[in-house]
Amino acid sequence: MQKLKGKTSHDLQSEFPELKKRYWGQHMWARGYFCATVGAVDEETIKHYIKHHNEEHPVDNFTIDEE
């Protein structure tokens, strides 16, 4: 995990130079890590979620029933 975090930190700072200023002398990633399984979800579902999880979805079926 340490190698993965080190490599991604290096790659991100190479691609986005502004990160070097922000994280100079500091660690980009936390010391620990978290890992979990996703059950019977396929790779395409995970990719779709990652790509779209920040999009706002209108709630067009919301109604209030007055009694």
Protein backbone atom coordinates (compact mmCIF):
# COMPACT_ATOMS: atom_id res chain seq x y z
CA MET A 1 0.00 0.00 0.00
CA GLN A 2 2.89 2.34 0.76
CA LYS A 3 4.25 1.92 -2.79
CA LEU A 4 0.82 2.54 -4.33
CA LYS A 5 0.31 5.70 -2.27
CA GLY A 6 3.83 6.93 -3.03
CA LYS A 7 3.45 6.32 -6.77
CA THR A 8 0.05 7.99 -6.99
CA SER A 9 1.31 10.97 -4.98
CA HIS A 10 4.27 11.36 -7.34
CA ASP A 11 2.10 11.01 -10.45
CA LEU A 12 -0.51 13.48 -9.20
CA GLN A 13 2.12 16.06 -8.23
CA SER A 14 3.77 15.66 -11.64
CA GLU A 15 0.47 16.19 -13.46
CA PHE A 16 -0.79 18.97 -11.16
CA PRO A 17 2.18 21.17 -10.11
CA GLU A 18 -0.01 23.20 -7.72
CA LEU A 19 -0.17 20.14 -5.46
CA LYS A 20 3.60 20.36 -4.88
CA LYS A 21 3.12 23.78 -3.28
CA ARG A 22 0.18 22.63 -1.18
CA TYR A 23 1.80 19.42 0.11
CA TRP A 24 5.44 20.54 0.30
CA GLY A 25 6.97 18.81 3.31
CA GLN A 26 3.69 17.07 4.10
CA HIS A 27 2.09 13.78 3.21
CA MET A 28 -0.61 13.74 0.55
CA TRP A 29 -2.19 10.54 1.88
CA ALA A 30 -3.00 9.53 5.45
CA ARG A 31 -0.83 6.86 7.09
CA GLY A 32 -3.57 4.27 7.18
CA TYR A 33 -5.84 2.85 4.52
CA PHE A 34 -9.26 1.29 4.22
CA CYS A 35 -10.28 -1.68 2.15
CA ALA A 36 -13.72 -3.22 1.72
CA THR A 37 -15.50 -5.57 -0.61
CA VAL A 38 -18.43 -4.57 -2.77
CA GLY A 39 -20.26 -7.86 -3.00
CA ALA A 40 -21.77 -8.91 -6.31
CA VAL A 41 -21.27 -5.56 -8.07
CA ASP A 42 -19.56 -5.75 -11.43
CA GLU A 43 -16.73 -3.48 -12.60
CA GLU A 44 -18.97 -1.47 -14.96
CA THR A 45 -21.34 -0.58 -12.11
CA ILE A 46 -18.42 0.67 -10.00
CA LYS A 47 -17.02 2.71 -12.91
CA HIS A 48 -20.45 4.24 -13.55
CA TYR A 49 -20.83 5.16 -9.87
CA ILE A 50 -17.37 6.78 -9.71
CA LYS A 51 -18.01 8.75 -12.90
CA HIS A 52 -21.47 10.00 -11.88
CA HIS A 53 -21.59 10.08 -8.06
CA ASN A 54 -21.20 13.88 -7.80
CA GLU A 55 -23.92 14.70 -10.32
CA GLU A 56 -27.11 16.21 -9.01
CA HIS A 57 -30.20 14.18 -9.75
CA PRO A 58 -33.49 16.07 -9.85
CA VAL A 59 -36.23 14.66 -7.73
CA ASP A 60 -39.07 14.89 -10.23
CA ASN A 61 -41.32 12.32 -8.61
CA PHE A 62 -41.59 14.04 -5.21
CA THR A 63 -45.15 14.75 -4.13
CA ILE A 64 -46.93 15.63 -0.93
CA ASP A 65 -50.32 14.02 -0.48
CA GLU A 66 -52.71 16.15 1.52
CA GLU A 67 -55.18 14.15 3.55
